[in-house]
């Protein structure tokens, strides 16, 4: 039996022209800087990654999608505090 990988991927979808996205960047960077071994942070500019944005049905930015075992387990569009995001990530691992 194959062991499941319980690591998480946080996908951040943003645009350079989006002010809330720019406000969300330091929040994502603070989570990334913690170096959680269970978390991979990936950042995608929707203007450069149209196919990926379509795949994840990104309709508004900023949007954060969390995958566990390559399945979406959580999604949020808009701004949130780093502490709230961190709490959610810890609860999902």
PDB file of N, CA and C in Angstrom:
ATOM      1  N   UNK A   1       0.833  -1.187   0.000  1.00  0.00           N
ATOM      2  CA  UNK A   1       0.000   0.000   0.000  1.00  0.00           C
ATOM      3  C   UNK A   1       0.880   1.253   0.000  1.00  0.00           C
ATOM      4  N   UNK A   2       0.590   2.165  -0.918  1.00  0.00           N
ATOM      5  CA  UNK A   2       1.381   3.373  -1.038  1.00  0.00           C
ATOM      6  C   UNK A   2       1.008   4.374   0.049  1.00  0.00           C
ATOM      7  N   UNK A   3       2.036   4.955   0.665  1.00  0.00           N
ATOM      8  CA  UNK A   3       1.814   5.937   1.724  1.00  0.00           C
ATOM      9  C   UNK A   3       1.373   7.264   1.104  1.00  0.00           C
ATOM     10  N   UNK A   4       0.341   7.882   1.669  1.00  0.00           N
ATOM     11  CA  UNK A   4      -0.127   9.173   1.183  1.00  0.00           C
ATOM     12  C   UNK A   4       0.837  10.278   1.590  1.00  0.00           C
ATOM     13  N   UNK A   5       1.009  11.207   0.702  1.00  0.00           N
ATOM     14  CA  UNK A   5       1.839  12.372   0.976  1.00  0.00           C
ATOM     15  C   UNK A   5       0.921  13.436   1.594  1.00  0.00           C
ATOM     16  N   UNK A   6       1.169  13.789   2.837  1.00  0.00           N
ATOM     17  CA  UNK A   6       0.306  14.750   3.524  1.00  0.00           C
ATOM     18  C   UNK A   6       0.787  16.186   3.395  1.00  0.00           C
ATOM     19  N   UNK A   7       1.692  16.427   2.458  1.00  0.00           N
ATOM     20  CA  UNK A   7       2.152  17.801   2.285  1.00  0.00           C
ATOM     21  C   UNK A   7       1.080  18.631   1.596  1.00  0.00           C
ATOM     22  N   UNK A   8       1.165  19.928   1.833  1.00  0.00           N
ATOM     23  CA  UNK A   8       0.213  20.867   1.254  1.00  0.00           C
ATOM     24  C   UNK A   8       0.918  21.721   0.209  1.00  0.00           C
ATOM     25  N   UNK A   9       0.152  22.148  -0.782  1.00  0.00           N
ATOM     26  CA  UNK A   9       0.616  23.145  -1.742  1.00  0.00           C
ATOM     27  C   UNK A   9      -0.318  24.331  -1.628  1.00  0.00           C
ATOM     28  N   UNK A  10       0.269  25.491  -1.426  1.00  0.00           N
ATOM     29  CA  UNK A  10      -0.494  26.723  -1.404  1.00  0.00           C
ATOM     30  C   UNK A  10      -0.240  27.413  -2.743  1.00  0.00           C
ATOM     31  N   UNK A  11      -1.291  27.589  -3.515  1.00  0.00           N
ATOM     32  CA  UNK A  11      -1.182  28.267  -4.801  1.00  0.00           C
ATOM     33  C   UNK A  11      -1.753  29.670  -4.637  1.00  0.00           C
ATOM     34  N   UNK A  12      -0.922  30.665  -4.862  1.00  0.00           N
ATOM     35  CA  UNK A  12      -1.386  32.050  -4.782  1.00  0.00           C
ATOM     36  C   UNK A  12      -1.531  32.575  -6.205  1.00  0.00           C
ATOM     37  N   UNK A  13      -2.738  33.019  -6.542  1.00  0.00           N
ATOM     38  CA  UNK A  13      -3.004  33.619  -7.840  1.00  0.00           C
ATOM     39  C   UNK A  13      -3.136  35.122  -7.641  1.00  0.00           C
ATOM     40  N   UNK A  14      -2.373  35.883  -8.431  1.00  0.00           N
ATOM     41  CA  UNK A  14      -2.343  37.336  -8.269  1.00  0.00           C
ATOM     42  C   UNK A  14      -2.156  38.001  -9.629  1.00  0.00           C
ATOM     43  N   UNK A  15      -2.232  39.321  -9.634  1.00  0.00           N
ATOM     44  CA  UNK A  15      -1.918  40.125 -10.819  1.00  0.00           C
ATOM     45  C   UNK A  15      -1.133  41.345 -10.365  1.00  0.00           C
ATOM     46  N   UNK A  16      -0.196  41.776 -11.190  1.00  0.00           N
ATOM     47  CA  UNK A  16       0.636  42.935 -10.833  1.00  0.00           C
ATOM     48  C   UNK A  16      -0.187  44.208 -10.674  1.00  0.00           C
ATOM     49  N   UNK A  17      -1.257  44.347 -11.432  1.00  0.00           N
ATOM     50  CA  UNK A  17      -2.094  45.548 -11.408  1.00  0.00           C
ATOM     51  C   UNK A  17      -3.104  45.563 -10.255  1.00  0.00           C
ATOM     52  N   UNK A  18      -3.169  44.484  -9.491  1.00  0.00           N
ATOM     53  CA  UNK A  18      -4.177  44.311  -8.444  1.00  0.00           C
ATOM     54  C   UNK A  18      -3.630  44.785  -7.092  1.00  0.00           C
ATOM     55  N   UNK A  19      -4.196  45.876  -6.569  1.00  0.00           N
ATOM     56  CA  UNK A  19      -3.740  46.424  -5.289  1.00  0.00           C
ATOM     57  C   UNK A  19      -3.923  45.443  -4.124  1.00  0.00           C
ATOM     58  N   UNK A  20      -5.085  44.785  -3.984  1.00  0.00           N
ATOM     59  CA  UNK A  20      -5.206  43.794  -2.905  1.00  0.00           C
ATOM     60  C   UNK A  20      -4.182  42.656  -3.030  1.00  0.00           C
ATOM     61  N   UNK A  21      -3.825  42.310  -4.259  1.00  0.00           N
ATOM     62  CA  UNK A  21      -2.798  41.271  -4.457  1.00  0.00           C
ATOM     63  C   UNK A  21      -1.457  41.723  -3.893  1.00  0.00           C
ATOM     64  N   UNK A  22      -1.138  42.999  -4.132  1.00  0.00           N
ATOM     65  CA  UNK A  22       0.121  43.539  -3.619  1.00  0.00           C
ATOM     66  C   UNK A  22       0.114  43.562  -2.090  1.00  0.00           C
ATOM     67  N   UNK A  23      -1.061  43.786  -1.509  1.00  0.00           N
ATOM     68  CA  UNK A  23      -1.188  43.778  -0.049  1.00  0.00           C
ATOM     69  C   UNK A  23      -1.082  42.352   0.503  1.00  0.00           C
ATOM     70  N   UNK A  24      -1.461  41.369  -0.296  1.00  0.00           N
ATOM     71  CA  UNK A  24      -1.419  39.966   0.134  1.00  0.00           C
ATOM     72  C   UNK A  24      -0.001  39.380   0.031  1.00  0.00           C
ATOM     73  N   UNK A  25       0.830  39.942  -0.852  1.00  0.00           N
ATOM     74  CA  UNK A  25       2.186  39.410  -1.070  1.00  0.00           C
ATOM     75  C   UNK A  25       3.000  39.246   0.222  1.00  0.00           C
ATOM     76  N   UNK A  26       3.100  40.276   1.080  1.00  0.00           N
ATOM     77  CA  UNK A  26       3.895  40.103   2.305  1.00  0.00           C
ATOM     78  C   UNK A  26       3.316  39.032   3.236  1.00  0.00           C
ATOM     79  N   UNK A  27       2.013  38.837   3.183  1.00  0.00           N
ATOM     80  CA  UNK A  27       1.370  37.809   4.008  1.00  0.00           C
ATOM     81  C   UNK A  27       1.813  36.423   3.533  1.00  0.00           C
ATOM     82  N   UNK A  28       1.787  36.218   2.222  1.00  0.00           N
ATOM     83  CA  UNK A  28       2.230  34.944   1.652  1.00  0.00           C
ATOM     84  C   UNK A  28       3.727  34.749   1.911  1.00  0.00           C
ATOM     85  N   UNK A  29       4.496  35.820   1.747  1.00  0.00           N
ATOM     86  CA  UNK A  29       5.943  35.729   1.994  1.00  0.00           C
ATOM     87  C   UNK A  29       6.240  35.380   3.457  1.00  0.00           C
ATOM     88  N   UNK A  30       5.443  35.906   4.393  1.00  0.00           N
ATOM     89  CA  UNK A  30       5.673  35.592   5.811  1.00  0.00           C
ATOM     90  C   UNK A  30       5.399  34.117   6.091  1.00  0.00           C
ATOM     91  N   UNK A  31       4.366  33.576   5.447  1.00  0.00           N
ATOM     92  CA  UNK A  31       4.072  32.139   5.594  1.00  0.00           C
ATOM     93  C   UNK A  31       5.210  31.323   4.977  1.00  0.00           C
ATOM     94  N   UNK A  32       5.639  31.740   3.791  1.00  0.00           N
ATOM     95  CA  UNK A  32       6.715  31.046   3.069  1.00  0.00           C
ATOM     96  C   UNK A  32       8.014  31.054   3.887  1.00  0.00           C
ATOM     97  N   UNK A  33       8.299  32.184   4.541  1.00  0.00           N
ATOM     98  CA  UNK A  33       9.558  32.333   5.288  1.00  0.00           C
ATOM     99  C   UNK A  33       9.626  31.446   6.532  1.00  0.00           C
ATOM    100  N   UNK A  34       8.473  30.949   6.981  1.00  0.00           N
ATOM    101  CA  UNK A  34       8.473  30.073   8.164  1.00  0.00           C
ATOM    102  C   UNK A  34       9.088  28.717   7.855  1.00  0.00           C
ATOM    103  N   UNK A  35       9.164  28.358   6.570  1.00  0.00           N
ATOM    104  CA  UNK A  35       9.832  27.123   6.173  1.00  0.00           C
ATOM    105  C   UNK A  35       9.160  25.852   6.658  1.00  0.00           C
ATOM    106  N   UNK A  36       7.841  25.851   6.695  1.00  0.00           N
ATOM    107  CA  UNK A  36       7.136  24.637   7.119  1.00  0.00           C
ATOM    108  C   UNK A  36       7.508  23.470   6.197  1.00  0.00           C
ATOM    109  N   UNK A  37       7.931  22.347   6.758  1.00  0.00           N
ATOM    110  CA  UNK A  37       8.334  21.213   5.913  1.00  0.00           C
ATOM    111  C   UNK A  37       7.167  20.569   5.166  1.00  0.00           C
ATOM    112  N   UNK A  38       5.957  20.784   5.617  1.00  0.00           N
ATOM    113  CA  UNK A  38       4.775  20.186   4.991  1.00  0.00           C
ATOM    114  C   UNK A  38       4.154  21.086   3.923  1.00  0.00           C
ATOM    115  N   UNK A  39       4.744  22.278   3.679  1.00  0.00           N
ATOM    116  CA  UNK A  39       4.099  23.274   2.825  1.00  0.00           C
ATOM    117  C   UNK A  39       5.005  23.732   1.692  1.00  0.00           C
ATOM    118  N   UNK A  40       4.445  23.697   0.483  1.00  0.00           N
ATOM    119  CA  UNK A  40       5.111  24.270  -0.689  1.00  0.00           C
ATOM    120  C   UNK A  40       4.250  25.448  -1.147  1.00  0.00           C
ATOM    121  N   UNK A  41       4.887  26.614  -1.313  1.00  0.00           N
ATOM    122  CA  UNK A  41       4.174  27.821  -1.726  1.00  0.00           C
ATOM    123  C   UNK A  41       4.532  28.129  -3.179  1.00  0.00           C
ATOM    124  N   UNK A  42       3.494  28.226  -4.008  1.00  0.00           N
ATOM    125  CA  UNK A  42       3.681  28.520  -5.427  1.00  0.00           C
ATOM    126  C   UNK A  42       2.864  29.761  -5.773  1.00  0.00           C
ATOM    127  N   UNK A  43       3.479  30.686  -6.500  1.00  0.00           N
ATOM    128  CA  UNK A  43       2.818  31.947  -6.822  1.00  0.00           C
ATOM    129  C   UNK A  43       2.681  32.083  -8.331  1.00  0.00           C
ATOM    130  N   UNK A  44       1.466  32.438  -8.772  1.00  0.00           N
ATOM    131  CA  UNK A  44       1.175  32.512 -10.207  1.00  0.00           C
ATOM    132  C   UNK A  44       0.510  33.834 -10.561  1.00  0.00           C
ATOM    133  N   UNK A  45       1.083  34.508 -11.543  1.00  0.00           N
ATOM    134  CA  UNK A  45       0.508  35.725 -12.094  1.00  0.00           C
ATOM    135  C   UNK A  45      -0.543  35.300 -13.121  1.00  0.00           C
ATOM    136  N   UNK A  46      -1.797  35.674 -12.901  1.00  0.00           N
ATOM    137  CA  UNK A  46      -2.888  35.228 -13.780  1.00  0.00           C
ATOM    138  C   UNK A  46      -2.722  35.734 -15.208  1.00  0.00           C
ATOM    139  N   UNK A  47      -2.040  36.848 -15.387  1.00  0.00           N
ATOM    140  CA  UNK A  47      -1.820  37.374 -16.737  1.00  0.00           C
ATOM    141  C   UNK A  47      -0.783  36.554 -17.505  1.00  0.00           C
ATOM    142  N   UNK A  48       0.078  35.846 -16.780  1.00  0.00           N
ATOM    143  CA  UNK A  48       1.119  35.028 -17.411  1.00  0.00           C
ATOM    144  C   UNK A  48       0.772  33.542 -17.401  1.00  0.00           C
ATOM    145  N   UNK A  49      -0.143  33.144 -16.557  1.00  0.00           N
ATOM    146  CA  UNK A  49      -0.504  31.730 -16.387  1.00  0.00           C
ATOM    147  C   UNK A  49      -1.996  31.527 -16.644  1.00  0.00           C
ATOM    148  N   UNK A  50      -2.452  31.945 -17.821  1.00  0.00           N
ATOM    149  CA  UNK A  50      -3.883  31.887 -18.142  1.00  0.00           C
ATOM    150  C   UNK A  50      -4.432  30.458 -18.096  1.00  0.00           C
ATOM    151  N   UNK A  51      -3.679  29.494 -18.615  1.00  0.00           N
ATOM    152  CA  UNK A  51      -4.158  28.105 -18.638  1.00  0.00           C
ATOM    153  C   UNK A  51      -4.320  27.559 -17.221  1.00  0.00           C
ATOM    154  N   UNK A  52      -3.378  27.857 -16.360  1.00  0.00           N
ATOM    155  CA  UNK A  52      -3.457  27.387 -14.974  1.00  0.00           C
ATOM    156  C   UNK A  52      -4.605  28.088 -14.238  1.00  0.00           C
ATOM    157  N   UNK A  53      -4.793  29.353 -14.512  1.00  0.00           N
ATOM    158  CA  UNK A  53      -5.907  30.092 -13.913  1.00  0.00           C
ATOM    159  C   UNK A  53      -7.236  29.494 -14.336  1.00  0.00           C
ATOM    160  N   UNK A  54      -7.321  29.098 -15.589  1.00  0.00           N
ATOM    161  CA  UNK A  54      -8.528  28.456 -16.100  1.00  0.00           C
ATOM    162  C   UNK A  54      -8.732  27.091 -15.442  1.00  0.00           C
ATOM    163  N   UNK A  55      -7.642  26.335 -15.321  1.00  0.00           N
ATOM    164  CA  UNK A  55      -7.711  25.002 -14.698  1.00  0.00           C
ATOM    165  C   UNK A  55      -8.286  25.081 -13.275  1.00  0.00           C
ATOM    166  N   UNK A  56      -7.878  26.111 -12.524  1.00  0.00           N
ATOM    167  CA  UNK A  56      -8.342  26.262 -11.141  1.00  0.00           C
ATOM    168  C   UNK A  56      -9.538  27.206 -11.015  1.00  0.00           C
ATOM    169  N   UNK A  57     -10.125  27.581 -12.128  1.00  0.00           N
ATOM    170  CA  UNK A  57     -11.318  28.429 -12.167  1.00  0.00           C
ATOM    171  C   UNK A  57     -11.128  29.700 -11.321  1.00  0.00           C
ATOM    172  N   UNK A  58     -10.047  30.405 -11.597  1.00  0.00           N
ATOM    173  CA  UNK A  58      -9.771  31.651 -10.883  1.00  0.00           C
ATOM    174  C   UNK A  58     -10.570  32.766 -11.547  1.00  0.00           C
ATOM    175  N   UNK A  59     -11.509  33.322 -10.814  1.00  0.00           N
ATOM    176  CA  UNK A  59     -12.385  34.371 -11.348  1.00  0.00           C
ATOM    177  C   UNK A  59     -12.054  35.747 -10.803  1.00  0.00           C
ATOM    178  N   UNK A  60     -11.309  35.768  -9.690  1.00  0.00           N
ATOM    179  CA  UNK A  60     -10.963  37.025  -9.052  1.00  0.00           C
ATOM    180  C   UNK A  60      -9.632  36.844  -8.336  1.00  0.00           C
ATOM    181  N   UNK A  61      -8.897  37.940  -8.199  1.00  0.00           N
ATOM    182  CA  UNK A  61      -7.627  37.883  -7.481  1.00  0.00           C
ATOM    183  C   UNK A  61      -7.630  38.947  -6.389  1.00  0.00           C
ATOM    184  N   UNK A  62      -6.916  38.694  -5.302  1.00  0.00           N
ATOM    185  CA  UNK A  62      -6.089  37.529  -5.016  1.00  0.00           C
ATOM    186  C   UNK A  62      -6.930  36.307  -4.606  1.00  0.00           C
ATOM    187  N   UNK A  63      -6.484  35.155  -5.059  1.00  0.00           N
ATOM    188  CA  UNK A  63      -7.101  33.891  -4.649  1.00  0.00           C
ATOM    189  C   UNK A  63      -5.998  32.945  -4.195  1.00  0.00           C
ATOM    190  N   UNK A  64      -6.256  32.288  -3.080  1.00  0.00           N
ATOM    191  CA  UNK A  64      -5.349  31.268  -2.555  1.00  0.00           C
ATOM    192  C   UNK A  64      -6.083  29.935  -2.611  1.00  0.00           C
ATOM    193  N   UNK A  65      -5.414  28.937  -3.189  1.00  0.00           N
ATOM    194  CA  UNK A  65      -5.956  27.586  -3.267  1.00  0.00           C
ATOM    195  C   UNK A  65      -4.981  26.666  -2.543  1.00  0.00           C
ATOM    196  N   UNK A  66      -5.490  25.800  -1.682  1.00  0.00           N
ATOM    197  CA  UNK A  66      -4.636  24.845  -0.981  1.00  0.00           C
ATOM    198  C   UNK A  66      -4.976  23.443  -1.473  1.00  0.00           C
ATOM    199  N   UNK A  67      -3.929  22.722  -1.866  1.00  0.00           N
ATOM    200  CA  UNK A  67      -4.071  21.342  -2.325  1.00  0.00           C
ATOM    201  C   UNK A  67      -3.446  20.401  -1.304  1.00  0.00           C
ATOM    202  N   UNK A  68      -4.099  19.284  -1.083  1.00  0.00           N
ATOM    203  CA  UNK A  68      -3.540  18.207  -0.261  1.00  0.00           C
ATOM    204  C   UNK A  68      -3.672  16.944  -1.097  1.00  0.00           C
ATOM    205  N   UNK A  69      -2.557  16.246  -1.297  1.00  0.00           N
ATOM    206  CA  UNK A  69      -2.549  15.082  -2.179  1.00  0.00           C
ATOM    207  C   UNK A  69      -3.125  15.448  -3.555  1.00  0.00           C
ATOM    208  N   UNK A  70      -2.773  16.652  -4.014  1.00  0.00           N
ATOM    209  CA  UNK A  70      -3.198  17.189  -5.315  1.00  0.00           C
ATOM    210  C   UNK A  70      -4.709  17.352  -5.470  1.00  0.00           C
ATOM    211  N   UNK A  71      -5.422  17.403  -4.364  1.00  0.00           N
ATOM    212  CA  UNK A  71      -6.864  17.669  -4.369  1.00  0.00           C
ATOM    213  C   UNK A  71      -7.103  18.989  -3.635  1.00  0.00           C
ATOM    214  N   UNK A  72      -7.967  19.822  -4.208  1.00  0.00           N
ATOM    215  CA  UNK A  72      -8.265  21.084  -3.553  1.00  0.00           C
ATOM    216  C   UNK A  72      -9.013  20.829  -2.246  1.00  0.00           C
ATOM    217  N   UNK A  73      -8.491  21.413  -1.159  1.00  0.00           N
ATOM    218  CA  UNK A  73      -9.125  21.244   0.146  1.00  0.00           C
ATOM    219  C   UNK A  73      -9.580  22.576   0.746  1.00  0.00           C
ATOM    220  N   UNK A  74      -9.135  23.682   0.158  1.00  0.00           N
ATOM    221  CA  UNK A  74      -9.515  24.987   0.697  1.00  0.00           C
ATOM    222  C   UNK A  74      -9.233  26.063  -0.344  1.00  0.00           C
ATOM    223  N   UNK A  75     -10.060  27.114  -0.337  1.00  0.00           N
ATOM    224  CA  UNK A  75      -9.906  28.231  -1.276  1.00  0.00           C
ATOM    225  C   UNK A  75     -10.410  29.498  -0.601  1.00  0.00           C
ATOM    226  N   UNK A  76      -9.717  30.594  -0.901  1.00  0.00           N
ATOM    227  CA  UNK A  76     -10.142  31.884  -0.368  1.00  0.00           C
ATOM    228  C   UNK A  76      -9.798  32.971  -1.379  1.00  0.00           C
ATOM    229  N   UNK A  77     -10.733  33.858  -1.607  1.00  0.00           N
ATOM    230  CA  UNK A  77     -10.505  35.002  -2.484  1.00  0.00           C
ATOM    231  C   UNK A  77     -10.607  36.267  -1.647  1.00  0.00           C
ATOM    232  N   UNK A  78      -9.587  37.105  -1.744  1.00  0.00           N
ATOM    233  CA  UNK A  78      -9.556  38.357  -0.995  1.00  0.00           C
ATOM    234  C   UNK A  78      -8.381  38.399  -0.040  1.00  0.00           C
ATOM    235  N   UNK A  79      -8.402  39.390   0.824  1.00  0.00           N
ATOM    236  CA  UNK A  79      -7.326  39.566   1.816  1.00  0.00           C
ATOM    237  C   UNK A  79      -7.662  38.842   3.109  1.00  0.00           C
ATOM    238  N   UNK A  80      -6.633  38.371   3.767  1.00  0.00           N
ATOM    239  CA  UNK A  80      -6.798  37.808   5.104  1.00  0.00           C
ATOM    240  C   UNK A  80      -5.504  38.015   5.872  1.00  0.00           C
ATOM    241  N   UNK A  81      -5.608  37.953   7.183  1.00  0.00           N
ATOM    242  CA  UNK A  81      -4.419  38.112   8.023  1.00  0.00           C
ATOM    243  C   UNK A  81      -3.519  36.881   7.934  1.00  0.00           C
ATOM    244  N   UNK A  82      -2.228  37.103   8.110  1.00  0.00           N
ATOM    245  CA  UNK A  82      -1.256  36.013   8.091  1.00  0.00           C
ATOM    246  C   UNK A  82      -1.589  34.988   9.171  1.00  0.00           C
ATOM    247  N   UNK A  83      -2.003  35.453  10.343  1.00  0.00           N
ATOM    248  CA  UNK A  83      -2.312  34.536  11.450  1.00  0.00           C
ATOM    249  C   UNK A  83      -3.491  33.636  11.104  1.00  0.00           C
ATOM    250  N   UNK A  84      -4.489  34.184  10.404  1.00  0.00           N
ATOM    251  CA  UNK A  84      -5.647  33.373  10.000  1.00  0.00           C
ATOM    252  C   UNK A  84      -5.239  32.322   8.973  1.00  0.00           C
ATOM    253  N   UNK A  85      -4.447  32.743   7.987  1.00  0.00           N
ATOM    254  CA  UNK A  85      -3.998  31.810   6.956  1.00  0.00           C
ATOM    255  C   UNK A  85      -3.133  30.711   7.562  1.00  0.00           C
ATOM    256  N   UNK A  86      -2.247  31.083   8.443  1.00  0.00           N
ATOM    257  CA  UNK A  86      -1.367  30.115   9.097  1.00  0.00           C
ATOM    258  C   UNK A  86      -2.185  29.100   9.914  1.00  0.00           C
ATOM    259  N   UNK A  87      -3.181  29.569  10.631  1.00  0.00           N
ATOM    260  CA  UNK A  87      -4.044  28.695  11.419  1.00  0.00           C
ATOM    261  C   UNK A  87      -4.752  27.672  10.518  1.00  0.00           C
ATOM    262  N   UNK A  88      -5.244  28.134   9.389  1.00  0.00           N
ATOM    263  CA  UNK A  88      -5.937  27.243   8.442  1.00  0.00           C
ATOM    264  C   UNK A  88      -4.954  26.206   7.897  1.00  0.00           C
ATOM    265  N   UNK A  89      -3.776  26.642   7.494  1.00  0.00           N
ATOM    266  CA  UNK A  89      -2.782  25.709   6.953  1.00  0.00           C
ATOM    267  C   UNK A  89      -2.397  24.643   7.974  1.00  0.00           C
ATOM    268  N   UNK A  90      -2.207  25.049   9.218  1.00  0.00           N
ATOM    269  CA  UNK A  90      -1.853  24.090  10.270  1.00  0.00           C
ATOM    270  C   UNK A  90      -2.987  23.102  10.518  1.00  0.00           C
ATOM    271  N   UNK A  91      -4.217  23.558  10.384  1.00  0.00           N
ATOM    272  CA  UNK A  91      -5.349  22.659  10.612  1.00  0.00           C
ATOM    273  C   UNK A  91      -5.546  21.673   9.444  1.00  0.00           C
ATOM    274  N   UNK A  92      -5.066  22.029   8.274  1.00  0.00           N
ATOM    275  CA  UNK A  92      -5.245  21.179   7.084  1.00  0.00           C
ATOM    276  C   UNK A  92      -4.163  20.117   6.918  1.00  0.00           C
ATOM    277  N   UNK A  93      -3.034  20.298   7.566  1.00  0.00           N
ATOM    278  CA  UNK A  93      -1.911  19.371   7.304  1.00  0.00           C
ATOM    279  C   UNK A  93      -2.154  17.981   7.823  1.00  0.00           C
TER     280      UNK A  93
END
